[in-house]
């Protein structure tokens, strides 16, 4: 087996195990793919707990989804992954999971688009919310089409999160960043409300980041299409949503 193929298989398995260890997936949830050196896609098979994935559970497909192995069936979300690779030639890996806090925001249909944490601003920009789409269908690609060319992390309404990167670990670490942003935002709201960075603070952050790394930060404060047309969520309604989310989380931990 070529060395590159071995390494990418080993890393994909390691990422799958990490997702399960962190509680970002349960049962057979989630899916992970990577673009191989030959242009084909390596993906997890359908119906397996990610903590139990081995190299034998990985499937190689062409960029168009044609199976190159008959051992297993690929993840039912393969269409979403192939769409992302088609739209982003720079992307080498895609991770889809259901981390509790971030999925809670996705289910409440609350995007994480405010500039709250400097690390998120410089690393991911904002984290938009894609419209609800039936999982495993072409609807998912349509819902992602508004964001995937300019974002490396997207909440999927009532579904979960998808992150992309230059390699498997890059895509995975972004999943951790999204979940941390959701956790901190949730806690800040319980403590009286998150306080977004001001425009002046963001510009100082931009200047510091540009000076240090020689590139601009990928942020937009509000990048949801039709932002002004969406109904305003008042403080009372937001409080109700967060109380309900907290109740569900506590019940799930019992």
Protein backbone atom coordinates (compact mmCIF):
# COMPACT_ATOMS: atom_id res chain seq x y z
CA UNK A 1 0.00 0.00 0.00
CA UNK A 2 1.51 3.42 -0.96
CA UNK A 3 2.77 5.42 2.01
CA UNK A 4 0.47 8.40 1.35
CA UNK A 5 -2.59 6.16 1.16
CA UNK A 6 -1.60 4.47 4.42
CA UNK A 7 -1.07 7.76 6.24
CA UNK A 8 -4.35 9.31 5.12
CA UNK A 9 -6.25 6.19 6.12
CA UNK A 10 -4.63 6.17 9.53
CA UNK A 11 -5.38 9.85 10.06
CA UNK A 12 -9.00 9.47 8.98
CA UNK A 13 -9.48 6.66 11.49
CA UNK A 14 -7.87 8.77 14.22
CA UNK A 15 -10.20 11.69 13.48
CA UNK A 16 -13.23 9.40 13.63
CA UNK A 17 -12.14 8.07 17.03
CA UNK A 18 -11.57 11.61 18.30
CA UNK A 19 -15.08 12.64 17.25
CA UNK A 20 -16.56 9.81 19.30
CA UNK A 21 -14.27 10.43 22.29
CA UNK A 22 -15.30 14.10 22.41
CA UNK A 23 -19.00 13.23 22.24
CA UNK A 24 -19.45 14.98 18.92
CA UNK A 25 -21.23 11.90 17.53
CA UNK A 26 -23.22 9.00 18.96
CA UNK A 27 -24.43 5.69 17.51
CA UNK A 28 -23.69 5.82 13.75
CA UNK A 29 -23.82 9.62 13.45
CA UNK A 30 -21.34 11.72 11.51
CA UNK A 31 -19.12 11.15 8.53
CA UNK A 32 -15.59 12.05 7.51
CA UNK A 33 -13.92 12.22 4.10
CA UNK A 34 -10.52 13.15 2.69
CA UNK A 35 -9.28 13.96 -0.80
CA UNK A 36 -6.50 11.59 -1.80
CA UNK A 37 -3.42 12.41 -3.85
CA UNK A 38 -4.95 10.71 -6.89
CA UNK A 39 -8.02 12.96 -6.69
CA UNK A 40 -10.35 10.27 -5.36
CA UNK A 41 -12.24 10.60 -2.08
CA UNK A 42 -11.76 8.37 0.95
CA UNK A 43 -14.88 8.18 3.12
CA UNK A 44 -16.36 6.40 6.11
CA UNK A 45 -18.84 3.64 5.46
CA UNK A 46 -22.51 3.75 6.26
CA UNK A 47 -23.89 2.67 9.64
CA UNK A 48 -20.83 2.44 11.88
CA UNK A 49 -19.99 4.12 15.18
CA UNK A 50 -17.04 6.41 14.52
CA UNK A 51 -15.27 5.12 17.62
CA UNK A 52 -15.13 1.68 15.98
CA UNK A 53 -13.95 2.72 12.54
CA UNK A 54 -10.91 0.86 11.21
CA UNK A 55 -9.01 1.22 7.95
CA UNK A 56 -11.07 -1.65 6.55
CA UNK A 57 -14.22 0.46 7.02
CA UNK A 58 -12.99 3.18 4.64
CA UNK A 59 -14.23 3.37 1.06
CA UNK A 60 -12.57 4.98 -1.94
CA UNK A 61 -14.81 6.68 -4.48
CA UNK A 62 -14.21 8.85 -7.52
CA UNK A 63 -14.95 12.60 -7.37
CA UNK A 64 -18.31 11.72 -8.97
CA UNK A 65 -19.15 9.14 -6.30
CA UNK A 66 -18.42 5.95 -8.23
CA UNK A 67 -17.48 3.14 -5.84
CA UNK A 68 -13.99 1.70 -6.23
CA UNK A 69 -14.57 -1.00 -3.61
CA UNK A 70 -17.48 -3.37 -3.05
CA UNK A 71 -16.88 -4.13 0.61
CA UNK A 72 -19.24 -1.56 2.10
CA UNK A 73 -21.70 1.20 1.23
CA UNK A 74 -20.47 4.78 1.74
CA UNK A 75 -22.00 7.25 4.14
CA UNK A 76 -25.43 8.45 3.07
CA UNK A 77 -24.08 12.03 3.31
CA UNK A 78 -21.49 11.42 0.58
CA UNK A 79 -23.35 13.78 -1.79
CA UNK A 80 -22.75 16.68 0.60
CA UNK A 81 -19.04 15.93 0.78
CA UNK A 82 -18.64 15.58 -2.99
CA UNK A 83 -20.43 18.89 -3.51
CA UNK A 84 -18.03 20.63 -1.13
CA UNK A 85 -14.97 19.19 -2.88
CA UNK A 86 -16.36 20.29 -6.23
CA UNK A 87 -16.93 23.83 -4.99
CA UNK A 88 -13.65 24.10 -3.08
CA UNK A 89 -10.61 22.71 -4.92
CA UNK A 90 -8.45 23.84 -1.99
CA UNK A 91 -10.27 21.58 0.48
CA UNK A 92 -8.66 18.25 1.37
CA UNK A 93 -10.99 17.05 4.14
CA UNK A 94 -14.60 17.38 5.33
CA UNK A 95 -15.98 16.54 8.78
CA UNK A 96 -19.69 16.34 9.60
CA UNK A 97 -20.77 15.82 13.21
CA UNK A 98 -23.42 16.67 15.81
CA UNK A 99 -21.64 18.36 18.74
CA UNK A 100 -24.27 19.12 21.39
CA UNK A 101 -24.01 22.89 21.86
CA UNK A 102 -23.41 23.77 18.22
CA UNK A 103 -26.22 21.46 17.13
CA UNK A 104 -28.40 23.10 19.76
CA UNK A 105 -27.81 26.47 18.09
CA UNK A 106 -28.46 24.89 14.69
CA UNK A 107 -31.71 23.40 15.98
CA UNK A 108 -32.77 26.71 17.52
CA UNK A 109 -31.81 28.25 14.16
CA UNK A 110 -29.42 30.74 15.74
CA UNK A 111 -26.23 31.35 13.70
CA UNK A 112 -22.92 32.12 15.38
CA UNK A 113 -22.23 35.16 13.23
CA UNK A 114 -21.42 37.78 15.87
CA UNK A 115 -17.73 38.52 16.44
CA UNK A 116 -17.41 37.41 20.07
CA UNK A 117 -14.19 35.41 20.43
CA UNK A 118 -10.99 36.75 18.80
CA UNK A 119 -9.75 33.21 18.13
CA UNK A 120 -12.91 32.42 16.16
CA UNK A 121 -12.80 35.72 14.29
CA UNK A 122 -9.27 35.15 13.02
CA UNK A 123 -9.68 31.40 12.54
CA UNK A 124 -13.14 30.93 11.08
CA UNK A 125 -14.66 34.35 10.67
CA UNK A 126 -18.34 33.87 11.42
CA UNK A 127 -20.28 30.61 11.46
CA UNK A 128 -23.46 30.96 9.37
CA UNK A 129 -26.59 28.82 9.46
CA UNK A 130 -27.67 26.96 6.33
CA UNK A 131 -31.40 26.50 5.76
CA UNK A 132 -32.89 23.16 6.77
CA UNK A 133 -32.41 20.45 4.15
CA UNK A 134 -33.42 16.80 4.26
CA UNK A 135 -30.26 14.84 5.18
CA UNK A 136 -28.71 12.65 2.47
CA UNK A 137 -30.47 14.50 -0.34
CA UNK A 138 -29.44 17.07 -2.95
CA UNK A 139 -31.21 19.68 -0.80
CA UNK A 140 -28.15 19.78 1.47
CA UNK A 141 -25.90 20.93 -1.36
CA UNK A 142 -28.39 23.66 -2.26
CA UNK A 143 -28.52 24.88 1.35
CA UNK A 144 -24.72 24.97 1.56
CA UNK A 145 -24.20 26.67 -1.78
CA UNK A 146 -24.67 30.15 -0.28
CA UNK A 147 -21.80 29.70 2.17
CA UNK A 148 -19.34 26.96 1.32
CA UNK A 149 -17.22 29.00 -1.10
CA UNK A 150 -16.38 31.53 1.61
CA UNK A 151 -16.71 29.65 4.91
CA UNK A 152 -14.90 26.73 6.50
CA UNK A 153 -17.62 25.98 9.07
CA UNK A 154 -21.40 26.00 8.66
CA UNK A 155 -24.25 25.11 11.00
CA UNK A 156 -26.87 22.90 9.36
CA UNK A 157 -30.36 23.77 10.60
CA UNK A 158 -31.80 20.95 12.76
CA UNK A 159 -28.93 18.73 11.70
CA UNK A 160 -25.43 19.52 12.94
CA UNK A 161 -22.20 21.08 11.72
CA UNK A 162 -19.90 20.68 8.74
CA UNK A 163 -16.28 21.85 8.75
CA UNK A 164 -13.65 21.75 6.02
CA UNK A 165 -9.90 22.12 5.90
CA UNK A 166 -6.58 21.72 4.18
CA UNK A 167 -6.14 18.33 5.81
CA UNK A 168 -8.05 15.99 8.13
CA UNK A 169 -6.85 17.49 11.39
CA UNK A 170 -7.42 21.03 10.15
CA UNK A 171 -11.05 20.17 9.39
CA UNK A 172 -11.43 18.40 12.74
CA UNK A 173 -9.92 21.22 14.86
CA UNK A 174 -12.39 23.60 13.25
CA UNK A 175 -15.18 21.36 14.55
CA UNK A 176 -13.76 21.78 18.06
CA UNK A 177 -13.61 25.55 17.54
CA UNK A 178 -17.25 25.68 16.49
CA UNK A 179 -18.35 23.70 19.54
CA UNK A 180 -16.28 25.89 21.88
CA UNK A 181 -17.79 29.03 20.34
CA UNK A 182 -21.28 27.62 20.89
CA UNK A 183 -20.49 26.65 24.49
CA UNK A 184 -19.06 30.05 25.37
CA UNK A 185 -21.92 31.90 23.67
CA UNK A 186 -24.45 29.76 25.52
CA UNK A 187 -22.82 30.38 28.90
CA UNK A 188 -22.38 34.09 28.21
CA UNK A 189 -26.09 34.36 27.47
CA UNK A 190 -26.94 32.72 30.78
CA UNK A 191 -24.69 35.27 32.49
CA UNK A 192 -26.47 38.24 30.96
CA UNK A 193 -25.65 38.15 27.28
CA UNK A 194 -22.61 37.98 25.04
CA UNK A 195 -20.98 41.31 24.15
CA UNK A 196 -19.67 41.29 20.56
CA UNK A 197 -16.43 43.02 19.69
CA UNK A 198 -16.83 46.56 18.39
CA UNK A 199 -15.83 47.59 14.91
CA UNK A 200 -12.77 49.36 16.34
CA UNK A 201 -11.72 46.26 18.27
CA UNK A 202 -12.11 44.12 15.16
CA UNK A 203 -9.99 46.50 13.09
CA UNK A 204 -7.22 46.36 15.74
CA UNK A 205 -7.46 42.60 15.68
CA UNK A 206 -7.27 42.64 11.89
CA UNK A 207 -4.17 44.83 11.94
CA UNK A 208 -2.44 42.65 14.53
CA UNK A 209 -3.28 39.46 12.64
CA UNK A 210 -2.13 40.91 9.33
CA UNK A 211 1.15 42.09 10.86
CA UNK A 212 1.81 38.71 12.47
CA UNK A 213 0.70 36.34 9.72
CA UNK A 214 0.74 38.50 6.61
CA UNK A 215 -2.87 37.79 5.66
CA UNK A 216 -6.33 39.18 6.31
CA UNK A 217 -8.88 37.65 8.67
CA UNK A 218 -11.87 35.86 7.08
CA UNK A 219 -14.65 37.60 8.95
CA UNK A 220 -18.00 39.10 8.21
CA UNK A 221 -20.04 40.28 11.18
CA UNK A 222 -23.39 39.50 9.57
CA UNK A 223 -23.28 37.24 6.56
CA UNK A 224 -26.71 35.60 6.66
CA UNK A 225 -28.60 36.26 3.41
CA UNK A 226 -31.65 38.39 4.05
CA UNK A 227 -30.45 39.29 7.53
CA UNK A 228 -32.64 42.35 7.70
CA UNK A 229 -35.65 40.40 6.49
CA UNK A 230 -35.44 37.72 9.18
CA UNK A 231 -37.81 38.22 12.12
CA UNK A 232 -36.17 39.82 15.13
CA UNK A 233 -35.77 37.46 18.08
CA UNK A 234 -36.59 39.44 21.21
CA UNK A 235 -34.88 38.93 24.56
CA UNK A 236 -37.85 37.01 25.98
CA UNK A 237 -37.94 34.60 23.07
CA UNK A 238 -34.17 34.14 23.19
CA UNK A 239 -34.36 33.40 26.91
CA UNK A 240 -37.09 30.83 26.28
CA UNK A 241 -35.02 29.12 23.60
CA UNK A 242 -31.96 28.93 25.80
CA UNK A 243 -33.93 27.59 28.77
CA UNK A 244 -35.42 24.90 26.55
CA UNK A 245 -32.00 24.04 25.15
CA UNK A 246 -30.53 23.82 28.66
CA UNK A 247 -33.41 21.59 29.76
CA UNK A 248 -32.79 19.21 26.85
CA UNK A 249 -29.06 19.08 27.56
CA UNK A 250 -29.62 18.32 31.25
CA UNK A 251 -32.17 15.63 30.45
CA UNK A 252 -29.79 14.04 27.99
CA UNK A 253 -27.05 13.80 30.63
CA UNK A 254 -29.21 11.85 33.07
